[in-house]
Amino acid sequence: MARFQKKTPVAAANGSDILSYFSAERRQQILDEALGTQVRQLVEQHQGGTFGALVEALRGAAHWDHIKNVNVSSVLRPSKGGAAPAPAPAKVKAAKAPAAKAPTAKAPAVAAAPKASGSAKRKGGRKPRYQPEMLNELVTLIQKNPGLRSEEIQKQVGGDKGAIKAALAKLRELKRVQTSGVKRSTIYTAA
């Protein structure tokens, strides 16, 4: 039994003739998707680097003349060809991180407070890393020494830095302390 194959026109060496079979809108969608994937790959490769290095990589790409005309929204959405979606922008942690790893968003260290419906039972998830007594100890320290930064509080209290950070976050949530400043320059005062 002989097999019949459907004959299709063969594209020229530059490959642009195949696109001529599509409408102008569909040609633009194909180019946006293909070049958007290339841009997403460059962004992923330069995730830990500077914006300047990313721009230089984009401008040095083989298809820069076409890439610069790609719609930004087509780069930000995942490709329809089944490729993995572009990584979401990650929060940059203030603490030192190994140079090989890209910054990652940190999940909250404490669970949400129980509902006021009288149910004191916690739902799943991690238990708080701090002891409840630590909250009062930190408030007392902040009352005696207003204007301390997180690092200074950690040095004075000693112990697990992660537990102290979690306790400070809980105090901010409970509004038992007030903060001013941003990131590492944040200072704490009693509410």
Protein backbone atom coordinates (compact mmCIF):
# COMPACT_ATOMS: atom_id res chain seq x y z
CA MET A 1 0.00 0.00 0.00
CA ALA A 2 1.53 3.28 -1.09
CA ARG A 3 1.48 6.25 1.20
CA PHE A 4 0.55 9.61 -0.16
CA GLN A 5 2.17 12.66 1.26
CA LYS A 6 0.76 16.11 1.00
CA LYS A 7 3.15 18.31 -0.90
CA THR A 8 3.83 21.72 0.56
CA PRO A 9 5.90 24.53 -0.89
CA VAL A 10 9.46 24.61 0.40
CA ALA A 11 10.66 27.86 1.91
CA ALA A 12 13.59 29.77 0.53
CA ALA A 13 16.89 29.74 2.40
CA ASN A 14 15.90 32.66 4.63
CA GLY A 15 12.66 30.97 5.72
CA SER A 16 10.51 34.05 5.23
CA ASP A 17 8.46 32.52 2.39
CA ILE A 18 6.68 30.15 4.79
CA LEU A 19 5.38 33.13 6.72
CA SER A 20 3.88 34.56 3.53
CA TYR A 21 1.15 31.90 3.74
CA PHE A 22 -0.17 33.51 6.93
CA SER A 23 -2.07 36.73 7.39
CA ALA A 24 -0.08 39.78 8.46
CA GLU A 25 -1.57 39.58 11.96
CA ARG A 26 -0.67 35.90 12.33
CA ARG A 27 2.86 36.54 11.01
CA GLN A 28 3.34 39.18 13.69
CA GLN A 29 2.02 36.79 16.37
CA ILE A 30 4.47 34.09 15.26
CA LEU A 31 7.40 36.49 15.29
CA ASP A 32 6.35 37.96 18.66
CA GLU A 33 6.11 34.48 20.18
CA ALA A 34 9.43 33.27 18.78
CA LEU A 35 11.34 36.42 19.64
CA GLY A 36 9.51 36.75 22.98
CA THR A 37 10.82 33.31 23.90
CA GLN A 38 14.34 34.44 23.01
CA VAL A 39 13.95 37.58 25.12
CA ARG A 40 12.60 35.54 28.08
CA GLN A 41 15.63 33.26 27.84
CA LEU A 42 17.99 36.24 27.89
CA VAL A 43 16.15 37.69 30.91
CA GLU A 44 16.42 34.34 32.70
CA GLN A 45 20.16 34.12 31.94
CA HIS A 46 20.74 37.61 33.35
CA GLN A 47 18.38 37.33 36.32
CA GLY A 48 21.15 37.77 38.89
CA GLY A 49 22.95 40.49 36.92
CA THR A 50 22.39 44.15 36.27
CA PHE A 51 19.83 45.76 34.02
CA GLY A 52 22.66 47.22 31.94
CA ALA A 53 24.06 43.75 31.24
CA LEU A 54 20.60 42.58 30.19
CA VAL A 55 20.17 45.53 27.82
CA GLU A 56 23.60 44.86 26.30
CA ALA A 57 22.68 41.17 25.82
CA LEU A 58 19.41 42.14 24.14
CA ARG A 59 21.15 44.62 21.83
CA GLY A 60 23.82 42.04 20.99
CA ALA A 61 21.24 39.38 20.08
CA ALA A 62 21.34 38.18 16.48
CA HIS A 63 17.80 39.40 15.79
CA TRP A 64 17.97 42.77 17.62
CA ASP A 65 16.40 44.61 14.65
CA HIS A 66 13.29 42.46 15.06
CA ILE A 67 13.41 42.11 18.86
CA LYS A 68 13.21 45.87 19.38
CA ASN A 69 9.82 45.86 17.60
CA VAL A 70 8.31 43.00 19.64
CA ASN A 71 5.29 43.92 21.75
CA VAL A 72 6.28 43.95 25.47
CA SER A 73 3.08 42.17 26.50
CA SER A 74 4.03 39.20 24.29
CA VAL A 75 7.32 38.91 26.18
CA LEU A 76 5.66 39.12 29.59
CA ARG A 77 3.07 36.40 28.92
CA PRO A 78 4.07 32.75 28.56
CA SER A 79 4.46 31.38 25.06
CA LYS A 80 1.61 29.29 23.65
CA GLY A 81 3.99 26.60 22.41
CA GLY A 82 4.06 24.81 25.77
CA ALA A 83 7.27 26.39 27.00
CA ALA A 84 7.62 27.25 30.64
CA PRO A 85 6.26 30.68 31.60
CA ALA A 86 8.65 33.51 32.21
CA PRO A 87 9.79 33.64 35.82
CA ALA A 88 7.98 36.12 38.01
CA PRO A 89 10.11 38.97 39.32
CA ALA A 90 11.60 37.86 42.61
CA LYS A 91 11.98 39.93 45.75
CA VAL A 92 15.57 40.76 46.56
CA LYS A 93 16.50 39.85 50.11
CA ALA A 94 18.54 42.31 52.11
CA ALA A 95 20.68 39.54 53.63
CA LYS A 96 23.74 38.19 51.84
CA ALA A 97 22.94 35.41 49.38
CA PRO A 98 25.35 33.13 47.52
CA ALA A 99 26.36 34.66 44.20
CA ALA A 100 25.36 31.56 42.21
CA LYS A 101 21.75 31.63 43.36
CA ALA A 102 19.16 34.07 42.08
CA PRO A 103 17.23 36.05 44.73
CA THR A 104 14.05 34.35 45.82
CA ALA A 105 10.91 35.51 47.54
CA LYS A 106 10.78 34.44 51.18
CA ALA A 107 7.59 32.95 52.56
CA PRO A 108 6.32 34.47 55.82
CA ALA A 109 7.88 32.77 58.84
CA VAL A 110 4.74 32.97 60.98
CA ALA A 111 1.27 31.58 60.46
CA ALA A 112 -1.79 33.84 60.34
CA ALA A 113 -3.56 34.54 63.61
CA PRO A 114 -6.51 32.24 64.40
CA LYS A 115 -9.96 33.49 63.47
CA ALA A 116 -11.94 35.37 66.08
CA SER A 117 -14.72 32.76 65.94
CA GLY A 118 -13.39 31.20 69.14
CA SER A 119 -11.46 28.45 67.38
CA ALA A 120 -7.94 28.50 68.75
CA LYS A 121 -6.90 25.52 66.64
CA ARG A 122 -4.23 26.35 64.08
CA LYS A 123 -4.50 25.27 60.52
CA GLY A 124 -1.60 23.57 58.75
CA GLY A 125 1.64 25.25 57.89
CA ARG A 126 4.79 26.05 59.74
CA LYS A 127 4.79 26.87 63.40
CA PRO A 128 6.23 30.23 64.37
CA ARG A 129 10.00 30.11 64.80
CA TYR A 130 9.90 32.31 67.89
CA GLN A 131 8.63 31.75 71.40
CA PRO A 132 5.67 33.92 72.48
CA GLU A 133 7.72 35.16 75.47
CA MET A 134 10.17 36.64 72.96
CA LEU A 135 7.55 39.18 71.87
CA ASN A 136 7.39 40.80 75.32
CA GLU A 137 11.20 40.67 75.63
CA LEU A 138 11.59 42.49 72.33
CA VAL A 139 8.97 45.13 73.19
CA THR A 140 10.74 45.80 76.51
CA LEU A 141 14.10 46.13 74.74
CA ILE A 142 12.63 48.50 72.13
CA GLN A 143 10.94 50.60 74.87
CA LYS A 144 14.27 50.97 76.69
CA ASN A 145 16.25 51.61 73.49
CA PRO A 146 14.05 53.30 70.88
CA GLY A 147 15.57 53.68 67.42
CA LEU A 148 17.33 50.30 67.23
CA ARG A 149 17.69 48.57 63.87
CA SER A 150 16.92 44.89 63.39
CA GLU A 151 20.61 43.92 63.35
CA GLU A 152 21.21 45.79 66.62
CA ILE A 153 18.21 44.09 68.24
CA GLN A 154 19.51 40.70 67.08
CA LYS A 155 22.95 41.41 68.60
CA GLN A 156 21.48 42.48 71.95
CA VAL A 157 19.02 39.59 72.23
CA GLY A 158 21.31 36.92 70.78
CA GLY A 159 20.04 33.54 69.59
CA ASP A 160 18.42 32.61 66.30
CA LYS A 161 18.33 35.59 63.92
CA GLY A 162 15.47 34.05 61.95
CA ALA A 163 13.37 33.73 65.11
CA ILE A 164 14.04 37.37 66.00
CA LYS A 165 13.10 38.53 62.50
CA ALA A 166 9.88 36.50 62.71
CA ALA A 167 9.09 37.96 66.12
CA LEU A 168 9.69 41.51 64.85
CA ALA A 169 7.39 40.81 61.90
CA LYS A 170 4.71 39.57 64.32
CA LEU A 171 5.13 42.70 66.47
CA ARG A 172 4.70 44.88 63.37
CA GLU A 173 1.59 42.88 62.44
CA LEU A 174 0.17 43.31 65.95
CA LYS A 175 1.10 47.02 65.83
CA ARG A 176 3.01 46.74 69.10
CA VAL A 177 5.99 48.47 67.48
CA GLN A 178 6.29 51.27 64.96
CA THR A 179 8.88 51.44 62.22
CA SER A 180 10.38 54.20 60.15
CA GLY A 181 12.88 53.94 57.33
CA VAL A 182 13.25 51.27 54.68
CA LYS A 183 15.11 47.98 54.43
CA ARG A 184 18.24 47.93 56.58
CA SER A 185 17.74 51.48 57.80
CA THR A 186 14.38 50.58 59.42
CA ILE A 187 14.34 51.60 63.07
CA TYR A 188 11.94 50.34 65.71
CA THR A 189 10.10 52.28 68.41
CA ALA A 190 7.42 51.08 70.83
CA ALA A 191 3.83 51.79 69.80
